[in-house]
Amino acid sequence: MVSVSVIAMAVGTGTAAVLMAPVALGAMGFGAGGVAAGSTAAGMMSSAAVANGGGVAAGSLVAALQSAGAAGLTSVATAVVGSVGTAAGGAVGWVSSKFRG
């Protein structure tokens, strides 16, 4: 049987993941005005461009993150982020419940 605390942990982390994703993207340098100079995003974009012969490939991770940073997460991306956060929170809650006895 799954305890209430495990369910609460899963729901809480899923919600936090959805709410914090735009903040994390902004902190990395992916924003509405493009990639911030000198940021982690700029380093990622530079590496991707070098690896692809001078341009960032459409559909690449860097392109997807910039799109999400500029326009926000799509409904599918929001569902994925929430699901992954919920699964991770549930797993952590379940493991920690095993140590509490």
C-alpha atoms as a PDB file:
ATOM      1  CA  MET A   1       0.000   0.000   0.000  1.00  0.00           C
ATOM      2  CA  VAL A   2       1.255   3.473  -0.877  1.00  0.00           C
ATOM      3  CA  SER A   3       1.324   5.917   2.012  1.00  0.00           C
ATOM      4  CA  VAL A   4      -0.165   9.392   1.960  1.00  0.00           C
ATOM      5  CA  SER A   5       3.307  10.904   2.386  1.00  0.00           C
ATOM      6  CA  VAL A   6       4.554   9.167  -0.788  1.00  0.00           C
ATOM      7  CA  ILE A   7       1.555  10.464  -2.745  1.00  0.00           C
ATOM      8  CA  ALA A   8       2.063  13.965  -1.315  1.00  0.00           C
ATOM      9  CA  MET A   9       5.756  13.867  -2.276  1.00  0.00           C
ATOM     10  CA  ALA A  10       4.875  12.782  -5.828  1.00  0.00           C
ATOM     11  CA  VAL A  11       2.210  15.449  -6.326  1.00  0.00           C
ATOM     12  CA  GLY A  12       4.362  18.163  -4.757  1.00  0.00           C
ATOM     13  CA  THR A  13       7.415  17.483  -6.886  1.00  0.00           C
ATOM     14  CA  GLY A  14       5.331  17.172 -10.049  1.00  0.00           C
ATOM     15  CA  THR A  15       3.765  20.548  -9.369  1.00  0.00           C
ATOM     16  CA  ALA A  16       7.110  22.105  -8.467  1.00  0.00           C
ATOM     17  CA  ALA A  17       8.687  20.769 -11.668  1.00  0.00           C
ATOM     18  CA  VAL A  18       6.006  22.403 -13.819  1.00  0.00           C
ATOM     19  CA  LEU A  19       6.235  25.704 -11.946  1.00  0.00           C
ATOM     20  CA  MET A  20      10.031  25.815 -11.851  1.00  0.00           C
ATOM     21  CA  ALA A  21      10.765  24.792 -15.469  1.00  0.00           C
ATOM     22  CA  PRO A  22      10.388  28.346 -16.855  1.00  0.00           C
ATOM     23  CA  VAL A  23      12.510  29.699 -13.989  1.00  0.00           C
ATOM     24  CA  ALA A  24      15.235  27.144 -14.681  1.00  0.00           C
ATOM     25  CA  LEU A  25      15.215  27.949 -18.396  1.00  0.00           C
ATOM     26  CA  GLY A  26      15.577  31.652 -17.642  1.00  0.00           C
ATOM     27  CA  ALA A  27      18.376  31.006 -15.153  1.00  0.00           C
ATOM     28  CA  MET A  28      20.250  29.048 -17.816  1.00  0.00           C
ATOM     29  CA  GLY A  29      19.914  31.978 -20.237  1.00  0.00           C
ATOM     30  CA  PHE A  30      17.054  30.845 -22.494  1.00  0.00           C
ATOM     31  CA  GLY A  31      14.657  33.770 -22.680  1.00  0.00           C
ATOM     32  CA  ALA A  32      12.092  35.636 -24.730  1.00  0.00           C
ATOM     33  CA  GLY A  33      14.787  37.911 -26.160  1.00  0.00           C
ATOM     34  CA  GLY A  34      17.010  35.022 -27.223  1.00  0.00           C
ATOM     35  CA  VAL A  35      20.039  33.459 -25.593  1.00  0.00           C
ATOM     36  CA  ALA A  36      21.716  35.634 -22.953  1.00  0.00           C
ATOM     37  CA  ALA A  37      25.372  36.426 -23.678  1.00  0.00           C
ATOM     38  CA  GLY A  38      27.845  34.625 -21.429  1.00  0.00           C
ATOM     39  CA  SER A  39      25.213  32.242 -20.064  1.00  0.00           C
ATOM     40  CA  THR A  40      25.079  28.463 -19.896  1.00  0.00           C
ATOM     41  CA  ALA A  41      22.660  28.652 -22.825  1.00  0.00           C
ATOM     42  CA  ALA A  42      25.226  30.595 -24.851  1.00  0.00           C
ATOM     43  CA  GLY A  43      27.836  27.926 -24.161  1.00  0.00           C
ATOM     44  CA  MET A  44      25.413  25.189 -25.191  1.00  0.00           C
ATOM     45  CA  MET A  45      24.482  27.052 -28.361  1.00  0.00           C
ATOM     46  CA  SER A  46      28.133  27.645 -29.252  1.00  0.00           C
ATOM     47  CA  SER A  47      29.000  23.968 -28.758  1.00  0.00           C
ATOM     48  CA  ALA A  48      25.998  22.868 -30.811  1.00  0.00           C
ATOM     49  CA  ALA A  49      26.905  25.265 -33.623  1.00  0.00           C
ATOM     50  CA  VAL A  50      30.517  24.063 -33.726  1.00  0.00           C
ATOM     51  CA  ALA A  51      29.375  20.427 -33.741  1.00  0.00           C
ATOM     52  CA  ASN A  52      26.968  21.110 -36.621  1.00  0.00           C
ATOM     53  CA  GLY A  53      29.331  23.084 -38.816  1.00  0.00           C
ATOM     54  CA  GLY A  54      28.206  26.573 -37.827  1.00  0.00           C
ATOM     55  CA  GLY A  55      24.489  26.352 -37.119  1.00  0.00           C
ATOM     56  CA  VAL A  56      22.193  24.938 -34.489  1.00  0.00           C
ATOM     57  CA  ALA A  57      20.157  22.070 -35.905  1.00  0.00           C
ATOM     58  CA  ALA A  58      16.382  22.488 -35.876  1.00  0.00           C
ATOM     59  CA  GLY A  59      14.831  20.106 -33.381  1.00  0.00           C
ATOM     60  CA  SER A  60      18.017  19.793 -31.329  1.00  0.00           C
ATOM     61  CA  LEU A  61      18.000  20.064 -27.548  1.00  0.00           C
ATOM     62  CA  VAL A  62      19.342  23.625 -27.669  1.00  0.00           C
ATOM     63  CA  ALA A  63      16.679  24.640 -30.212  1.00  0.00           C
ATOM     64  CA  ALA A  64      13.918  23.059 -28.105  1.00  0.00           C
ATOM     65  CA  LEU A  65      15.132  24.753 -24.912  1.00  0.00           C
ATOM     66  CA  GLN A  66      15.329  28.139 -26.643  1.00  0.00           C
ATOM     67  CA  SER A  67      11.840  27.674 -28.019  1.00  0.00           C
ATOM     68  CA  ALA A  68      10.531  26.818 -24.550  1.00  0.00           C
ATOM     69  CA  GLY A  69      12.414  29.761 -23.033  1.00  0.00           C
ATOM     70  CA  ALA A  70      11.037  32.175 -25.610  1.00  0.00           C
ATOM     71  CA  ALA A  71       7.433  30.995 -25.878  1.00  0.00           C
ATOM     72  CA  GLY A  72       6.927  28.869 -22.774  1.00  0.00           C
ATOM     73  CA  LEU A  73       6.312  25.163 -22.504  1.00  0.00           C
ATOM     74  CA  THR A  74       3.789  23.539 -24.806  1.00  0.00           C
ATOM     75  CA  SER A  75       1.003  21.504 -23.245  1.00  0.00           C
ATOM     76  CA  VAL A  76       2.837  18.292 -24.161  1.00  0.00           C
ATOM     77  CA  ALA A  77       6.097  19.542 -22.633  1.00  0.00           C
ATOM     78  CA  THR A  78       4.232  20.608 -19.500  1.00  0.00           C
ATOM     79  CA  ALA A  79       2.712  17.140 -19.223  1.00  0.00           C
ATOM     80  CA  VAL A  80       6.111  15.495 -19.676  1.00  0.00           C
ATOM     81  CA  VAL A  81       7.816  17.745 -17.110  1.00  0.00           C
ATOM     82  CA  GLY A  82       4.988  17.149 -14.627  1.00  0.00           C
ATOM     83  CA  SER A  83       5.034  13.397 -15.193  1.00  0.00           C
ATOM     84  CA  VAL A  84       8.786  13.112 -14.772  1.00  0.00           C
ATOM     85  CA  GLY A  85       8.671  15.282 -11.642  1.00  0.00           C
ATOM     86  CA  THR A  86       5.828  13.224 -10.208  1.00  0.00           C
ATOM     87  CA  ALA A  87       7.603   9.942 -10.935  1.00  0.00           C
ATOM     88  CA  ALA A  88      10.847  11.187  -9.404  1.00  0.00           C
ATOM     89  CA  GLY A  89       9.064  12.522  -6.326  1.00  0.00           C
ATOM     90  CA  GLY A  90       7.124   9.305  -5.917  1.00  0.00           C
ATOM     91  CA  ALA A  91      10.302   7.255  -6.180  1.00  0.00           C
ATOM     92  CA  VAL A  92      12.113   9.392  -3.618  1.00  0.00           C
ATOM     93  CA  GLY A  93       9.116   9.276  -1.307  1.00  0.00           C
ATOM     94  CA  TRP A  94       8.844   5.502  -1.635  1.00  0.00           C
ATOM     95  CA  VAL A  95      12.557   4.933  -0.994  1.00  0.00           C
ATOM     96  CA  SER A  96      12.574   7.273   1.987  1.00  0.00           C
ATOM     97  CA  SER A  97       9.506   5.501   3.417  1.00  0.00           C
ATOM     98  CA  LYS A  98      11.488   2.242   3.411  1.00  0.00           C
ATOM     99  CA  PHE A  99      14.105   3.824   5.683  1.00  0.00           C
ATOM    100  CA  ARG A 100      11.515   5.201   8.093  1.00  0.00           C
ATOM    101  CA  GLY A 101      10.181   1.709   8.695  1.00  0.00           C
END
